[in-house]
Amino acid sequence: AALTVARDNVKIIEARYRNGDAMIIELIQGQVDLTALERQLADLSAQIHLAWLELDAALGNVVGVTR
């Protein structure tokens, strides 16, 4: 949900910038915030995936090894 809100905010700021109601720095900051949120989401997804792999390994289920 936060990603959708950040994307919408960038679209709104872009429209305001085109109309002359926002400065370029606001647009850049919105894009930086969106990129940071996307990076954070990717990082958290990777951490969750790693945690599942570690749990599987702790249970004796190693990726690529069949019993």
N, C-alpha and C. Protein backbone atom coordinates (compact mmCIF):
# COMPACT_ATOMS: atom_id res chain seq x y z
N ALA A 1 0.82 -1.20 0.00
CA ALA A 1 0.00 0.00 0.00
C ALA A 1 0.87 1.27 0.00
N ALA A 2 1.97 1.23 0.75
CA ALA A 2 2.85 2.40 0.82
C ALA A 2 3.47 2.70 -0.54
N LEU A 3 3.76 1.65 -1.29
CA LEU A 3 4.34 1.82 -2.62
C LEU A 3 3.35 2.51 -3.55
N THR A 4 2.10 2.14 -3.47
CA THR A 4 1.06 2.77 -4.30
C THR A 4 0.92 4.24 -3.95
N VAL A 5 0.94 4.55 -2.67
CA VAL A 5 0.83 5.94 -2.22
C VAL A 5 2.02 6.75 -2.72
N ALA A 6 3.22 6.18 -2.63
CA ALA A 6 4.42 6.90 -3.07
C ALA A 6 4.37 7.15 -4.58
N ARG A 7 3.91 6.16 -5.34
CA ARG A 7 3.78 6.35 -6.80
C ARG A 7 2.76 7.43 -7.12
N ASP A 8 1.65 7.41 -6.41
CA ASP A 8 0.63 8.44 -6.62
C ASP A 8 1.17 9.83 -6.28
N ASN A 9 1.94 9.92 -5.20
CA ASN A 9 2.52 11.21 -4.81
C ASN A 9 3.45 11.75 -5.89
N VAL A 10 4.25 10.88 -6.49
CA VAL A 10 5.15 11.32 -7.56
C VAL A 10 4.34 11.81 -8.75
N LYS A 11 3.27 11.11 -9.10
CA LYS A 11 2.41 11.54 -10.21
C LYS A 11 1.80 12.92 -9.93
N ILE A 12 1.37 13.11 -8.70
CA ILE A 12 0.77 14.40 -8.32
C ILE A 12 1.81 15.51 -8.39
N ILE A 13 3.00 15.24 -7.88
CA ILE A 13 4.06 16.26 -7.91
C ILE A 13 4.46 16.55 -9.35
N GLU A 14 4.51 15.52 -10.21
CA GLU A 14 4.84 15.73 -11.62
C GLU A 14 3.81 16.67 -12.27
N ALA A 15 2.55 16.43 -11.99
CA ALA A 15 1.49 17.27 -12.55
C ALA A 15 1.62 18.71 -12.03
N ARG A 16 1.90 18.85 -10.74
CA ARG A 16 2.09 20.18 -10.17
C ARG A 16 3.30 20.88 -10.78
N TYR A 17 4.36 20.10 -11.03
CA TYR A 17 5.57 20.68 -11.63
C TYR A 17 5.28 21.17 -13.05
N ARG A 18 4.56 20.38 -13.81
CA ARG A 18 4.20 20.78 -15.18
C ARG A 18 3.35 22.04 -15.20
N ASN A 19 2.53 22.21 -14.17
CA ASN A 19 1.68 23.41 -14.07
C ASN A 19 2.42 24.59 -13.46
N GLY A 20 3.64 24.36 -13.01
CA GLY A 20 4.42 25.44 -12.41
C GLY A 20 4.13 25.65 -10.94
N ASP A 21 3.45 24.70 -10.32
CA ASP A 21 3.09 24.83 -8.90
C ASP A 21 4.05 24.13 -7.95
N ALA A 22 5.04 23.41 -8.51
CA ALA A 22 6.02 22.71 -7.67
C ALA A 22 7.41 22.93 -8.24
N MET A 23 8.38 22.91 -7.36
CA MET A 23 9.76 23.09 -7.79
C MET A 23 10.34 21.73 -8.20
N ILE A 24 11.38 21.79 -9.02
CA ILE A 24 12.02 20.57 -9.48
C ILE A 24 12.57 19.76 -8.31
N ILE A 25 13.00 20.44 -7.27
CA ILE A 25 13.56 19.73 -6.11
C ILE A 25 12.48 18.87 -5.44
N GLU A 26 11.24 19.32 -5.45
CA GLU A 26 10.14 18.53 -4.88
C GLU A 26 9.93 17.26 -5.70
N LEU A 27 10.00 17.41 -7.03
CA LEU A 27 9.83 16.27 -7.91
C LEU A 27 10.96 15.26 -7.71
N ILE A 28 12.18 15.76 -7.66
CA ILE A 28 13.33 14.87 -7.45
C ILE A 28 13.22 14.18 -6.11
N GLN A 29 12.85 14.91 -5.07
CA GLN A 29 12.72 14.30 -3.73
C GLN A 29 11.65 13.23 -3.73
N GLY A 30 10.54 13.46 -4.41
CA GLY A 30 9.49 12.45 -4.51
C GLY A 30 9.99 11.19 -5.20
N GLN A 31 10.77 11.38 -6.27
CA GLN A 31 11.33 10.24 -6.98
C GLN A 31 12.36 9.50 -6.13
N VAL A 32 13.16 10.23 -5.38
CA VAL A 32 14.14 9.62 -4.48
C VAL A 32 13.42 8.82 -3.39
N ASP A 33 12.37 9.38 -2.84
CA ASP A 33 11.60 8.68 -1.81
C ASP A 33 10.99 7.39 -2.36
N LEU A 34 10.45 7.46 -3.58
CA LEU A 34 9.86 6.28 -4.21
C LEU A 34 10.92 5.21 -4.44
N THR A 35 12.06 5.61 -4.93
CA THR A 35 13.15 4.67 -5.17
C THR A 35 13.63 4.03 -3.87
N ALA A 36 13.74 4.83 -2.83
CA ALA A 36 14.16 4.30 -1.53
C ALA A 36 13.14 3.29 -1.00
N LEU A 37 11.87 3.58 -1.18
CA LEU A 37 10.83 2.65 -0.73
C LEU A 37 10.88 1.35 -1.54
N GLU A 38 11.09 1.46 -2.85
CA GLU A 38 11.20 0.25 -3.67
C GLU A 38 12.41 -0.58 -3.26
N ARG A 39 13.53 0.09 -2.96
CA ARG A 39 14.73 -0.62 -2.53
C ARG A 39 14.49 -1.31 -1.19
N GLN A 40 13.82 -0.61 -0.28
CA GLN A 40 13.53 -1.17 1.04
C GLN A 40 12.62 -2.39 0.91
N LEU A 41 11.64 -2.31 0.02
CA LEU A 41 10.74 -3.44 -0.20
C LEU A 41 11.50 -4.64 -0.76
N ALA A 42 12.39 -4.40 -1.71
CA ALA A 42 13.19 -5.48 -2.28
C ALA A 42 14.09 -6.09 -1.21
N ASP A 43 14.69 -5.25 -0.37
CA ASP A 43 15.57 -5.73 0.69
C ASP A 43 14.80 -6.58 1.69
N LEU A 44 13.63 -6.12 2.09
CA LEU A 44 12.83 -6.88 3.05
C LEU A 44 12.35 -8.20 2.46
N SER A 45 11.99 -8.19 1.19
CA SER A 45 11.58 -9.43 0.52
C SER A 45 12.73 -10.43 0.50
N ALA A 46 13.95 -9.94 0.22
CA ALA A 46 15.12 -10.82 0.22
C ALA A 46 15.39 -11.36 1.61
N GLN A 47 15.23 -10.53 2.64
CA GLN A 47 15.44 -11.00 4.02
C GLN A 47 14.45 -12.08 4.40
N ILE A 48 13.20 -11.92 3.97
CA ILE A 48 12.17 -12.93 4.26
C ILE A 48 12.50 -14.23 3.54
N HIS A 49 12.90 -14.12 2.28
CA HIS A 49 13.25 -15.31 1.52
C HIS A 49 14.44 -16.03 2.17
N LEU A 50 15.44 -15.28 2.58
CA LEU A 50 16.61 -15.86 3.24
C LEU A 50 16.20 -16.55 4.55
N ALA A 51 15.30 -15.94 5.30
CA ALA A 51 14.84 -16.53 6.55
C ALA A 51 14.15 -17.87 6.29
N TRP A 52 13.35 -17.95 5.22
CA TRP A 52 12.69 -19.21 4.88
C TRP A 52 13.73 -20.27 4.50
N LEU A 53 14.75 -19.86 3.72
CA LEU A 53 15.80 -20.81 3.35
C LEU A 53 16.56 -21.29 4.58
N GLU A 54 16.84 -20.38 5.51
CA GLU A 54 17.53 -20.77 6.74
C GLU A 54 16.68 -21.71 7.58
N LEU A 55 15.38 -21.46 7.62
CA LEU A 55 14.49 -22.35 8.36
C LEU A 55 14.48 -23.73 7.72
N ASP A 56 14.37 -23.77 6.39
CA ASP A 56 14.41 -25.06 5.71
C ASP A 56 15.72 -25.78 6.01
N ALA A 57 16.83 -25.06 5.98
CA ALA A 57 18.13 -25.69 6.25
C ALA A 57 18.18 -26.22 7.68
N ALA A 58 17.63 -25.45 8.63
CA ALA A 58 17.61 -25.89 10.03
C ALA A 58 16.77 -27.14 10.21
N LEU A 59 15.78 -27.31 9.35
CA LEU A 59 14.92 -28.50 9.41
C LEU A 59 15.50 -29.66 8.60
N GLY A 60 16.69 -29.42 8.00
CA GLY A 60 17.34 -30.49 7.24
C GLY A 60 16.99 -30.52 5.77
N ASN A 61 16.27 -29.51 5.31
CA ASN A 61 15.90 -29.43 3.90
C ASN A 61 16.79 -28.40 3.22
N VAL A 62 17.84 -28.89 2.56
CA VAL A 62 18.79 -28.00 1.91
C VAL A 62 18.43 -27.89 0.43
N VAL A 63 18.44 -26.68 -0.08
CA VAL A 63 18.10 -26.45 -1.48
C VAL A 63 19.08 -27.19 -2.38
N GLY A 64 18.55 -27.93 -3.34
CA GLY A 64 19.39 -28.65 -4.28
C GLY A 64 19.80 -30.04 -3.83
N VAL A 65 19.42 -30.41 -2.61
CA VAL A 65 19.78 -31.72 -2.09
C VAL A 65 18.49 -32.50 -1.86
N THR A 66 18.42 -33.66 -2.48
CA THR A 66 17.23 -34.51 -2.27
C THR A 66 17.60 -35.67 -1.37
N ARG A 67 16.64 -36.11 -0.63
CA ARG A 67 16.88 -37.23 0.31
C ARG A 67 16.50 -38.53 -0.34
